[in-house]
Amino acid sequence: MGAEQRRYLRKTVAVAFQARAGSGAGQLSFTSADVSAGGAFLVSELLLEHGESLTFEFTLPGQASISARGRVAWVRRFPQANEPAGMGVEFTAITDESRSALEAFLTT
């Protein structure tokens, strides 16, 4: 996805994401490559399906824990040599407090 299509400022940061599928079954662990106020790119060989719902918890450096719900917006199944496999997730529900903390992190 080109930068001109992005709605939110992104920041490169490797953060551990703990997630559960929308069904609530099983704990999944991912590492982000970048985050924004609207979502994140999660590096993973385990790729979920486009549109699948998730709940997340993650902690940005120097911030409180952030909880959000989201969905898989796109999947990179066959990466180029310089790209990791993974998926872009869009936050569909996040508290105002968490969004403010995320935006503060992104602008520092």
PDB file of N, CA and C in Angstrom:
ATOM      1  N   MET A   1       0.853  -1.174   0.000  1.00  0.00           N
ATOM      2  CA  MET A   1       0.000   0.000   0.000  1.00  0.00           C
ATOM      3  C   MET A   1       0.891   1.227   0.000  1.00  0.00           C
ATOM      4  N   GLY A   2       0.681   2.113  -0.933  1.00  0.00           N
ATOM      5  CA  GLY A   2       1.486   3.311  -1.036  1.00  0.00           C
ATOM      6  C   GLY A   2       1.153   4.325   0.044  1.00  0.00           C
ATOM      7  N   ALA A   3       2.137   5.155   0.371  1.00  0.00           N
ATOM      8  CA  ALA A   3       1.947   6.143   1.424  1.00  0.00           C
ATOM      9  C   ALA A   3       0.802   7.101   1.100  1.00  0.00           C
ATOM     10  N   GLU A   4       0.564   7.359  -0.198  1.00  0.00           N
ATOM     11  CA  GLU A   4      -0.492   8.292  -0.569  1.00  0.00           C
ATOM     12  C   GLU A   4      -1.879   7.765  -0.230  1.00  0.00           C
ATOM     13  N   GLN A   5      -2.029   6.469   0.022  1.00  0.00           N
ATOM     14  CA  GLN A   5      -3.318   5.883   0.360  1.00  0.00           C
ATOM     15  C   GLN A   5      -3.570   5.865   1.866  1.00  0.00           C
ATOM     16  N   ARG A   6      -2.577   6.160   2.651  1.00  0.00           N
ATOM     17  CA  ARG A   6      -2.703   6.064   4.101  1.00  0.00           C
ATOM     18  C   ARG A   6      -3.391   7.289   4.683  1.00  0.00           C
ATOM     19  N   ARG A   7      -4.296   7.022   5.639  1.00  0.00           N
ATOM     20  CA  ARG A   7      -5.018   8.104   6.296  1.00  0.00           C
ATOM     21  C   ARG A   7      -4.325   8.569   7.564  1.00  0.00           C
ATOM     22  N   TYR A   8      -3.446   7.725   8.132  1.00  0.00           N
ATOM     23  CA  TYR A   8      -2.844   8.009   9.436  1.00  0.00           C
ATOM     24  C   TYR A   8      -1.321   7.978   9.356  1.00  0.00           C
ATOM     25  N   LEU A   9      -0.693   8.796  10.190  1.00  0.00           N
ATOM     26  CA  LEU A   9       0.749   8.780  10.360  1.00  0.00           C
ATOM     27  C   LEU A   9       1.159   7.436  10.943  1.00  0.00           C
ATOM     28  N   ARG A  10       2.162   6.794  10.367  1.00  0.00           N
ATOM     29  CA  ARG A  10       2.660   5.509  10.861  1.00  0.00           C
ATOM     30  C   ARG A  10       4.032   5.691  11.465  1.00  0.00           C
ATOM     31  N   LYS A  11       4.333   4.846  12.454  1.00  0.00           N
ATOM     32  CA  LYS A  11       5.644   4.873  13.088  1.00  0.00           C
ATOM     33  C   LYS A  11       6.165   3.447  13.151  1.00  0.00           C
ATOM     34  N   THR A  12       7.418   3.263  12.726  1.00  0.00           N
ATOM     35  CA  THR A  12       8.041   1.949  12.778  1.00  0.00           C
ATOM     36  C   THR A  12       8.346   1.620  14.231  1.00  0.00           C
ATOM     37  N   VAL A  13       7.808   0.498  14.702  1.00  0.00           N
ATOM     38  CA  VAL A  13       8.052   0.054  16.075  1.00  0.00           C
ATOM     39  C   VAL A  13       7.686  -1.424  16.190  1.00  0.00           C
ATOM     40  N   ALA A  14       8.570  -2.181  16.828  1.00  0.00           N
ATOM     41  CA  ALA A  14       8.308  -3.603  17.069  1.00  0.00           C
ATOM     42  C   ALA A  14       7.711  -3.748  18.466  1.00  0.00           C
ATOM     43  N   VAL A  15       6.432  -4.076  18.512  1.00  0.00           N
ATOM     44  CA  VAL A  15       5.697  -4.210  19.762  1.00  0.00           C
ATOM     45  C   VAL A  15       4.993  -5.564  19.760  1.00  0.00           C
ATOM     46  N   ALA A  16       4.968  -6.225  20.894  1.00  0.00           N
ATOM     47  CA  ALA A  16       4.256  -7.506  21.006  1.00  0.00           C
ATOM     48  C   ALA A  16       2.750  -7.256  21.084  1.00  0.00           C
ATOM     49  N   PHE A  17       2.005  -7.884  20.199  1.00  0.00           N
ATOM     50  CA  PHE A  17       0.549  -7.839  20.186  1.00  0.00           C
ATOM     51  C   PHE A  17       0.036  -9.193  20.651  1.00  0.00           C
ATOM     52  N   GLN A  18      -0.814  -9.195  21.658  1.00  0.00           N
ATOM     53  CA  GLN A  18      -1.533 -10.400  22.068  1.00  0.00           C
ATOM     54  C   GLN A  18      -2.927 -10.274  21.483  1.00  0.00           C
ATOM     55  N   ALA A  19      -3.378 -11.310  20.803  1.00  0.00           N
ATOM     56  CA  ALA A  19      -4.658 -11.209  20.109  1.00  0.00           C
ATOM     57  C   ALA A  19      -5.485 -12.470  20.304  1.00  0.00           C
ATOM     58  N   ARG A  20      -6.765 -12.313  20.103  1.00  0.00           N
ATOM     59  CA  ARG A  20      -7.714 -13.423  20.062  1.00  0.00           C
ATOM     60  C   ARG A  20      -8.573 -13.239  18.827  1.00  0.00           C
ATOM     61  N   ALA A  21      -8.873 -14.353  18.173  1.00  0.00           N
ATOM     62  CA  ALA A  21      -9.770 -14.294  17.026  1.00  0.00           C
ATOM     63  C   ALA A  21     -11.142 -13.853  17.505  1.00  0.00           C
ATOM     64  N   GLY A  22     -11.956 -13.362  16.609  1.00  0.00           N
ATOM     65  CA  GLY A  22     -13.285 -12.878  16.949  1.00  0.00           C
ATOM     66  C   GLY A  22     -14.120 -13.907  17.674  1.00  0.00           C
ATOM     67  N   SER A  23     -13.865 -15.184  17.418  1.00  0.00           N
ATOM     68  CA  SER A  23     -14.597 -16.253  18.093  1.00  0.00           C
ATOM     69  C   SER A  23     -14.179 -16.385  19.555  1.00  0.00           C
ATOM     70  N   GLY A  24     -13.036 -15.748  19.925  1.00  0.00           N
ATOM     71  CA  GLY A  24     -12.541 -15.825  21.295  1.00  0.00           C
ATOM     72  C   GLY A  24     -11.684 -17.042  21.567  1.00  0.00           C
ATOM     73  N   ALA A  25     -11.526 -17.898  20.589  1.00  0.00           N
ATOM     74  CA  ALA A  25     -10.758 -19.131  20.771  1.00  0.00           C
ATOM     75  C   ALA A  25      -9.277 -18.881  20.549  1.00  0.00           C
ATOM     76  N   GLY A  26      -8.461 -19.307  21.494  1.00  0.00           N
ATOM     77  CA  GLY A  26      -7.011 -19.284  21.324  1.00  0.00           C
ATOM     78  C   GLY A  26      -6.372 -17.924  21.441  1.00  0.00           C
ATOM     79  N   GLN A  27      -5.159 -17.937  21.959  1.00  0.00           N
ATOM     80  CA  GLN A  27      -4.346 -16.729  22.093  1.00  0.00           C
ATOM     81  C   GLN A  27      -3.339 -16.715  20.952  1.00  0.00           C
ATOM     82  N   LEU A  28      -3.209 -15.590  20.271  1.00  0.00           N
ATOM     83  CA  LEU A  28      -2.271 -15.432  19.178  1.00  0.00           C
ATOM     84  C   LEU A  28      -1.267 -14.355  19.555  1.00  0.00           C
ATOM     85  N   SER A  29      -0.014 -14.539  19.151  1.00  0.00           N
ATOM     86  CA  SER A  29       1.025 -13.543  19.416  1.00  0.00           C
ATOM     87  C   SER A  29       1.625 -13.079  18.105  1.00  0.00           C
ATOM     88  N   PHE A  30       1.746 -11.772  17.968  1.00  0.00           N
ATOM     89  CA  PHE A  30       2.319 -11.164  16.779  1.00  0.00           C
ATOM     90  C   PHE A  30       3.287 -10.073  17.218  1.00  0.00           C
ATOM     91  N   THR A  31       4.134  -9.632  16.285  1.00  0.00           N
ATOM     92  CA  THR A  31       4.987  -8.473  16.501  1.00  0.00           C
ATOM     93  C   THR A  31       4.680  -7.468  15.415  1.00  0.00           C
ATOM     94  N   SER A  32       4.508  -6.226  15.801  1.00  0.00           N
ATOM     95  CA  SER A  32       4.213  -5.190  14.813  1.00  0.00           C
ATOM     96  C   SER A  32       5.487  -4.757  14.100  1.00  0.00           C
ATOM     97  N   ALA A  33       5.326  -4.294  12.879  1.00  0.00           N
ATOM     98  CA  ALA A  33       6.404  -3.638  12.150  1.00  0.00           C
ATOM     99  C   ALA A  33       6.197  -2.134  12.217  1.00  0.00           C
ATOM    100  N   ASP A  34       4.924  -1.730  12.259  1.00  0.00           N
ATOM    101  CA  ASP A  34       4.580  -0.324  12.418  1.00  0.00           C
ATOM    102  C   ASP A  34       3.176  -0.217  12.992  1.00  0.00           C
ATOM    103  N   VAL A  35       2.884   0.954  13.550  1.00  0.00           N
ATOM    104  CA  VAL A  35       1.545   1.217  14.089  1.00  0.00           C
ATOM    105  C   VAL A  35       1.105   2.610  13.669  1.00  0.00           C
ATOM    106  N   SER A  36      -0.198   2.810  13.666  1.00  0.00           N
ATOM    107  CA  SER A  36      -0.785   4.121  13.417  1.00  0.00           C
ATOM    108  C   SER A  36      -2.019   4.231  14.301  1.00  0.00           C
ATOM    109  N   ALA A  37      -2.660   5.374  14.285  1.00  0.00           N
ATOM    110  CA  ALA A  37      -3.895   5.541  15.050  1.00  0.00           C
ATOM    111  C   ALA A  37      -5.016   4.691  14.470  1.00  0.00           C
ATOM    112  N   GLY A  38      -4.857   4.246  13.231  1.00  0.00           N
ATOM    113  CA  GLY A  38      -5.902   3.462  12.578  1.00  0.00           C
ATOM    114  C   GLY A  38      -5.650   1.976  12.520  1.00  0.00           C
ATOM    115  N   GLY A  39      -4.419   1.534  12.846  1.00  0.00           N
ATOM    116  CA  GLY A  39      -4.133   0.104  12.771  1.00  0.00           C
ATOM    117  C   GLY A  39      -2.655  -0.183  12.864  1.00  0.00           C
ATOM    118  N   ALA A  40      -2.269  -1.379  12.404  1.00  0.00           N
ATOM    119  CA  ALA A  40      -0.877  -1.807  12.490  1.00  0.00           C
ATOM    120  C   ALA A  40      -0.590  -2.849  11.423  1.00  0.00           C
ATOM    121  N   PHE A  41       0.699  -3.007  11.114  1.00  0.00           N
ATOM    122  CA  PHE A  41       1.129  -4.129  10.285  1.00  0.00           C
ATOM    123  C   PHE A  41       1.751  -5.137  11.229  1.00  0.00           C
ATOM    124  N   LEU A  42       1.230  -6.362  11.219  1.00  0.00           N
ATOM    125  CA  LEU A  42       1.716  -7.430  12.080  1.00  0.00           C
ATOM    126  C   LEU A  42       2.517  -8.419  11.254  1.00  0.00           C
ATOM    127  N   VAL A  43       3.774  -8.611  11.626  1.00  0.00           N
ATOM    128  CA  VAL A  43       4.656  -9.547  10.944  1.00  0.00           C
ATOM    129  C   VAL A  43       4.315 -10.949  11.430  1.00  0.00           C
ATOM    130  N   SER A  44       4.070 -11.859  10.490  1.00  0.00           N
ATOM    131  CA  SER A  44       3.702 -13.206  10.901  1.00  0.00           C
ATOM    132  C   SER A  44       3.707 -14.148   9.711  1.00  0.00           C
ATOM    133  N   GLU A  45       4.095 -15.387   9.978  1.00  0.00           N
ATOM    134  CA  GLU A  45       3.943 -16.460   8.990  1.00  0.00           C
ATOM    135  C   GLU A  45       2.530 -17.041   9.099  1.00  0.00           C
ATOM    136  N   LEU A  46       1.907 -16.893  10.273  1.00  0.00           N
ATOM    137  CA  LEU A  46       0.514 -17.307  10.472  1.00  0.00           C
ATOM    138  C   LEU A  46      -0.358 -16.161   9.977  1.00  0.00           C
ATOM    139  N   LEU A  47      -1.024 -16.381   8.861  1.00  0.00           N
ATOM    140  CA  LEU A  47      -1.808 -15.323   8.241  1.00  0.00           C
ATOM    141  C   LEU A  47      -3.289 -15.639   8.353  1.00  0.00           C
ATOM    142  N   LEU A  48      -4.032 -14.693   8.867  1.00  0.00           N
ATOM    143  CA  LEU A  48      -5.469 -14.848   8.991  1.00  0.00           C
ATOM    144  C   LEU A  48      -6.128 -14.399   7.692  1.00  0.00           C
ATOM    145  N   GLU A  49      -7.416 -14.596   7.606  1.00  0.00           N
ATOM    146  CA  GLU A  49      -8.143 -14.250   6.393  1.00  0.00           C
ATOM    147  C   GLU A  49      -8.596 -12.787   6.415  1.00  0.00           C
ATOM    148  N   HIS A  50      -8.633 -12.187   5.248  1.00  0.00           N
ATOM    149  CA  HIS A  50      -9.128 -10.825   5.090  1.00  0.00           C
ATOM    150  C   HIS A  50     -10.520 -10.731   5.710  1.00  0.00           C
ATOM    151  N   GLY A  51     -10.744  -9.714   6.514  1.00  0.00           N
ATOM    152  CA  GLY A  51     -12.040  -9.499   7.149  1.00  0.00           C
ATOM    153  C   GLY A  51     -12.201 -10.168   8.502  1.00  0.00           C
ATOM    154  N   GLU A  52     -11.254 -11.036   8.890  1.00  0.00           N
ATOM    155  CA  GLU A  52     -11.381 -11.733  10.181  1.00  0.00           C
ATOM    156  C   GLU A  52     -11.250 -10.736  11.330  1.00  0.00           C
ATOM    157  N   SER A  53     -12.099 -10.889  12.342  1.00  0.00           N
ATOM    158  CA  SER A  53     -12.112 -10.003  13.509  1.00  0.00           C
ATOM    159  C   SER A  53     -11.157 -10.498  14.576  1.00  0.00           C
ATOM    160  N   LEU A  54     -10.549  -9.534  15.291  1.00  0.00           N
ATOM    161  CA  LEU A  54      -9.608  -9.833  16.368  1.00  0.00           C
ATOM    162  C   LEU A  54      -9.810  -8.848  17.504  1.00  0.00           C
ATOM    163  N   THR A  55      -9.397  -9.240  18.693  1.00  0.00           N
ATOM    164  CA  THR A  55      -9.236  -8.295  19.795  1.00  0.00           C
ATOM    165  C   THR A  55      -7.745  -8.284  20.120  1.00  0.00           C
ATOM    166  N   PHE A  56      -7.206  -7.110  20.456  1.00  0.00           N
ATOM    167  CA  PHE A  56      -5.775  -6.942  20.678  1.00  0.00           C
ATOM    168  C   PHE A  56      -5.494  -6.314  22.027  1.00  0.00           C
ATOM    169  N   GLU A  57      -4.314  -6.619  22.539  1.00  0.00           N
ATOM    170  CA  GLU A  57      -3.722  -5.873  23.649  1.00  0.00           C
ATOM    171  C   GLU A  57      -2.260  -5.698  23.308  1.00  0.00           C
ATOM    172  N   PHE A  58      -1.759  -4.481  23.498  1.00  0.00           N
ATOM    173  CA  PHE A  58      -0.346  -4.216  23.257  1.00  0.00           C
ATOM    174  C   PHE A  58       0.079  -3.017  24.083  1.00  0.00           C
ATOM    175  N   THR A  59       1.374  -2.904  24.304  1.00  0.00           N
ATOM    176  CA  THR A  59       1.918  -1.794  25.077  1.00  0.00           C
ATOM    177  C   THR A  59       2.997  -1.112  24.258  1.00  0.00           C
ATOM    178  N   LEU A  60       2.809   0.150  23.973  1.00  0.00           N
ATOM    179  CA  LEU A  60       3.813   0.932  23.270  1.00  0.00           C
ATOM    180  C   LEU A  60       4.891   1.356  24.259  1.00  0.00           C
ATOM    181  N   PRO A  61       6.119   1.576  23.800  1.00  0.00           N
ATOM    182  CA  PRO A  61       7.185   2.002  24.709  1.00  0.00           C
ATOM    183  C   PRO A  61       6.776   3.240  25.507  1.00  0.00           C
ATOM    184  N   GLY A  62       6.877   3.150  26.829  1.00  0.00           N
ATOM    185  CA  GLY A  62       6.559   4.268  27.703  1.00  0.00           C
ATOM    186  C   GLY A  62       5.082   4.572  27.846  1.00  0.00           C
ATOM    187  N   GLN A  63       4.211   3.693  27.393  1.00  0.00           N
ATOM    188  CA  GLN A  63       2.767   3.934  27.430  1.00  0.00           C
ATOM    189  C   GLN A  63       2.058   2.852  28.243  1.00  0.00           C
ATOM    190  N   ALA A  64       0.814   3.107  28.563  1.00  0.00           N
ATOM    191  CA  ALA A  64      -0.032   2.112  29.226  1.00  0.00           C
ATOM    192  C   ALA A  64      -0.469   1.075  28.196  1.00  0.00           C
ATOM    193  N   SER A  65      -1.007  -0.015  28.690  1.00  0.00           N
ATOM    194  CA  SER A  65      -1.524  -1.062  27.816  1.00  0.00           C
ATOM    195  C   SER A  65      -2.703  -0.533  27.010  1.00  0.00           C
ATOM    196  N   ILE A  66      -2.751  -0.921  25.747  1.00  0.00           N
ATOM    197  CA  ILE A  66      -3.816  -0.488  24.848  1.00  0.00           C
ATOM    198  C   ILE A  66      -4.616  -1.703  24.419  1.00  0.00           C
ATOM    199  N   SER A  67      -5.924  -1.599  24.506  1.00  0.00           N
ATOM    200  CA  SER A  67      -6.819  -2.659  24.045  1.00  0.00           C
ATOM    201  C   SER A  67      -7.637  -2.119  22.888  1.00  0.00           C
ATOM    202  N   ALA A  68      -7.862  -2.969  21.898  1.00  0.00           N
ATOM    203  CA  ALA A  68      -8.635  -2.551  20.736  1.00  0.00           C
ATOM    204  C   ALA A  68      -9.261  -3.772  20.071  1.00  0.00           C
ATOM    205  N   ARG A  69     -10.280  -3.513  19.297  1.00  0.00           N
ATOM    206  CA  ARG A  69     -10.830  -4.535  18.406  1.00  0.00           C
ATOM    207  C   ARG A  69     -10.461  -4.122  16.998  1.00  0.00           C
ATOM    208  N   GLY A  70     -10.353  -5.108  16.123  1.00  0.00           N
ATOM    209  CA  GLY A  70      -9.995  -4.784  14.754  1.00  0.00           C
ATOM    210  C   GLY A  70     -10.348  -5.899  13.801  1.00  0.00           C
ATOM    211  N   ARG A  71      -9.940  -5.681  12.559  1.00  0.00           N
ATOM    212  CA  ARG A  71     -10.163  -6.679  11.525  1.00  0.00           C
ATOM    213  C   ARG A  71      -8.956  -6.705  10.607  1.00  0.00           C
ATOM    214  N   VAL A  72      -8.752  -7.843   9.980  1.00  0.00           N
ATOM    215  CA  VAL A  72      -7.675  -7.979   9.006  1.00  0.00           C
ATOM    216  C   VAL A  72      -8.100  -7.225   7.750  1.00  0.00           C
ATOM    217  N   ALA A  73      -7.367  -6.161   7.417  1.00  0.00           N
ATOM    218  CA  ALA A  73      -7.702  -5.326   6.265  1.00  0.00           C
ATOM    219  C   ALA A  73      -7.047  -5.830   4.981  1.00  0.00           C
ATOM    220  N   TRP A  74      -5.850  -6.399   5.106  1.00  0.00           N
ATOM    221  CA  TRP A  74      -5.147  -6.955   3.952  1.00  0.00           C
ATOM    222  C   TRP A  74      -4.071  -7.925   4.427  1.00  0.00           C
ATOM    223  N   VAL A  75      -3.671  -8.812   3.530  1.00  0.00           N
ATOM    224  CA  VAL A  75      -2.707  -9.859   3.870  1.00  0.00           C
ATOM    225  C   VAL A  75      -1.593  -9.868   2.829  1.00  0.00           C
ATOM    226  N   ARG A  76      -0.352  -9.949   3.291  1.00  0.00           N
ATOM    227  CA  ARG A  76       0.801 -10.083   2.392  1.00  0.00           C
ATOM    228  C   ARG A  76       1.264 -11.537   2.473  1.00  0.00           C
ATOM    229  N   ARG A  77       0.742 -12.363   1.593  1.00  0.00           N
ATOM    230  CA  ARG A  77       1.063 -13.796   1.591  1.00  0.00           C
ATOM    231  C   ARG A  77       2.377 -14.110   0.885  1.00  0.00           C
ATOM    232  N   PHE A  78       2.698 -13.359  -0.145  1.00  0.00           N
ATOM    233  CA  PHE A  78       3.878 -13.633  -0.958  1.00  0.00           C
ATOM    234  C   PHE A  78       4.749 -12.380  -1.012  1.00  0.00           C
ATOM    235  N   PRO A  79       5.511 -12.137   0.054  1.00  0.00           N
ATOM    236  CA  PRO A  79       6.286 -10.900   0.140  1.00  0.00           C
ATOM    237  C   PRO A  79       7.447 -10.877  -0.846  1.00  0.00           C
ATOM    238  N   GLN A  80       7.866  -9.659  -1.198  1.00  0.00           N
ATOM    239  CA  GLN A  80       9.079  -9.466  -1.980  1.00  0.00           C
ATOM    240  C   GLN A  80      10.272  -9.780  -1.074  1.00  0.00           C
ATOM    241  N   ALA A  81      11.447  -9.845  -1.634  1.00  0.00           N
ATOM    242  CA  ALA A  81      12.650 -10.210  -0.875  1.00  0.00           C
ATOM    243  C   ALA A  81      12.908  -9.295   0.320  1.00  0.00           C
ATOM    244  N   ASN A  82      12.567  -8.019   0.214  1.00  0.00           N
ATOM    245  CA  ASN A  82      12.833  -7.067   1.299  1.00  0.00           C
ATOM    246  C   ASN A  82      11.619  -6.804   2.186  1.00  0.00           C
ATOM    247  N   GLU A  83      10.571  -7.612   2.058  1.00  0.00           N
ATOM    248  CA  GLU A  83       9.344  -7.413   2.831  1.00  0.00           C
ATOM    249  C   GLU A  83       9.021  -8.654   3.664  1.00  0.00           C
ATOM    250  N   PRO A  84       8.519  -8.460   4.871  1.00  0.00           N
ATOM    251  CA  PRO A  84       8.095  -9.619   5.657  1.00  0.00           C
ATOM    252  C   PRO A  84       6.665 -10.036   5.306  1.00  0.00           C
ATOM    253  N   ALA A  85       6.360 -11.295   5.516  1.00  0.00           N
ATOM    254  CA  ALA A  85       4.972 -11.751   5.415  1.00  0.00           C
ATOM    255  C   ALA A  85       4.217 -11.167   6.607  1.00  0.00           C
ATOM    256  N   GLY A  86       2.940 -10.939   6.441  1.00  0.00           N
ATOM    257  CA  GLY A  86       2.153 -10.419   7.553  1.00  0.00           C
ATOM    258  C   GLY A  86       0.822  -9.888   7.083  1.00  0.00           C
ATOM    259  N   MET A  87       0.216  -9.087   7.939  1.00  0.00           N
ATOM    260  CA  MET A  87      -1.107  -8.568   7.617  1.00  0.00           C
ATOM    261  C   MET A  87      -1.317  -7.194   8.217  1.00  0.00           C
ATOM    262  N   GLY A  88      -2.067  -6.403   7.497  1.00  0.00           N
ATOM    263  CA  GLY A  88      -2.465  -5.096   7.978  1.00  0.00           C
ATOM    264  C   GLY A  88      -3.780  -5.240   8.717  1.00  0.00           C
ATOM    265  N   VAL A  89      -3.821  -4.726   9.932  1.00  0.00           N
ATOM    266  CA  VAL A  89      -5.055  -4.779  10.705  1.00  0.00           C
ATOM    267  C   VAL A  89      -5.548  -3.356  10.944  1.00  0.00           C
ATOM    268  N   GLU A  90      -6.844  -3.196  10.838  1.00  0.00           N
ATOM    269  CA  GLU A  90      -7.493  -1.904  11.061  1.00  0.00           C
ATOM    270  C   GLU A  90      -8.191  -1.954  12.412  1.00  0.00           C
ATOM    271  N   PHE A  91      -7.961  -0.939  13.241  1.00  0.00           N
ATOM    272  CA  PHE A  91      -8.682  -0.852  14.506  1.00  0.00           C
ATOM    273  C   PHE A  91     -10.114  -0.443  14.207  1.00  0.00           C
ATOM    274  N   THR A  92     -11.068  -1.217  14.684  1.00  0.00           N
ATOM    275  CA  THR A  92     -12.475  -0.892  14.476  1.00  0.00           C
ATOM    276  C   THR A  92     -13.124  -0.343  15.740  1.00  0.00           C
ATOM    277  N   ALA A  93     -12.505  -0.589  16.895  1.00  0.00           N
ATOM    278  CA  ALA A  93     -13.002  -0.050  18.164  1.00  0.00           C
ATOM    279  C   ALA A  93     -11.815   0.128  19.097  1.00  0.00           C
ATOM    280  N   ILE A  94     -11.643   1.356  19.563  1.00  0.00           N
ATOM    281  CA  ILE A  94     -10.561   1.674  20.498  1.00  0.00           C
ATOM    282  C   ILE A  94     -11.065   2.821  21.363  1.00  0.00           C
ATOM    283  N   THR A  95     -10.771   2.789  22.646  1.00  0.00           N
ATOM    284  CA  THR A  95     -11.247   3.848  23.526  1.00  0.00           C
ATOM    285  C   THR A  95     -10.578   5.175  23.171  1.00  0.00           C
ATOM    286  N   ASP A  96     -11.221   6.263  23.527  1.00  0.00           N
ATOM    287  CA  ASP A  96     -10.649   7.584  23.279  1.00  0.00           C
ATOM    288  C   ASP A  96      -9.311   7.725  23.997  1.00  0.00           C
ATOM    289  N   GLU A  97      -9.233   7.189  25.212  1.00  0.00           N
ATOM    290  CA  GLU A  97      -7.999   7.252  25.993  1.00  0.00           C
ATOM    291  C   GLU A  97      -6.860   6.514  25.278  1.00  0.00           C
ATOM    292  N   SER A  98      -7.162   5.305  24.775  1.00  0.00           N
ATOM    293  CA  SER A  98      -6.140   4.534  24.057  1.00  0.00           C
ATOM    294  C   SER A  98      -5.742   5.233  22.764  1.00  0.00           C
ATOM    295  N   ARG A  99      -6.707   5.778  22.042  1.00  0.00           N
ATOM    296  CA  ARG A  99      -6.395   6.487  20.787  1.00  0.00           C
ATOM    297  C   ARG A  99      -5.527   7.709  21.080  1.00  0.00           C
ATOM    298  N   SER A 100      -5.830   8.432  22.152  1.00  0.00           N
ATOM    299  CA  SER A 100      -5.019   9.611  22.520  1.00  0.00           C
ATOM    300  C   SER A 100      -3.593   9.203  22.859  1.00  0.00           C
ATOM    301  N   ALA A 101      -3.429   8.118  23.614  1.00  0.00           N
ATOM    302  CA  ALA A 101      -2.090   7.613  23.959  1.00  0.00           C
ATOM    303  C   ALA A 101      -1.336   7.198  22.707  1.00  0.00           C
ATOM    304  N   LEU A 102      -2.016   6.565  21.804  1.00  0.00           N
ATOM    305  CA  LEU A 102      -1.416   6.126  20.549  1.00  0.00           C
ATOM    306  C   LEU A 102      -0.995   7.334  19.707  1.00  0.00           C
ATOM    307  N   GLU A 103      -1.853   8.310  19.595  1.00  0.00           N
ATOM    308  CA  GLU A 103      -1.520   9.516  18.821  1.00  0.00           C
ATOM    309  C   GLU A 103      -0.361  10.285  19.460  1.00  0.00           C
ATOM    310  N   ALA A 104      -0.311  10.337  20.801  1.00  0.00           N
ATOM    311  CA  ALA A 104       0.795  11.003  21.493  1.00  0.00           C
ATOM    312  C   ALA A 104       2.108  10.280  21.192  1.00  0.00           C
ATOM    313  N   PHE A 105       2.090   8.967  21.199  1.00  0.00           N
ATOM    314  CA  PHE A 105       3.276   8.178  20.883  1.00  0.00           C
ATOM    315  C   PHE A 105       3.738   8.454  19.446  1.00  0.00           C
ATOM    316  N   LEU A 106       2.800   8.509  18.549  1.00  0.00           N
ATOM    317  CA  LEU A 106       3.124   8.677  17.127  1.00  0.00           C
ATOM    318  C   LEU A 106       3.728  10.040  16.801  1.00  0.00           C
ATOM    319  N   THR A 107       3.431  11.050  17.604  1.00  0.00           N
ATOM    320  CA  THR A 107       3.930  12.392  17.320  1.00  0.00           C
ATOM    321  C   THR A 107       5.199  12.733  18.105  1.00  0.00           C
ATOM    322  N   THR A 108       5.733  11.793  18.846  1.00  0.00           N
ATOM    323  CA  THR A 108       6.995  12.059  19.593  1.00  0.00           C
ATOM    324  C   THR A 108       8.175  11.480  18.878  1.00  0.00           C
TER     325      THR A 108
END
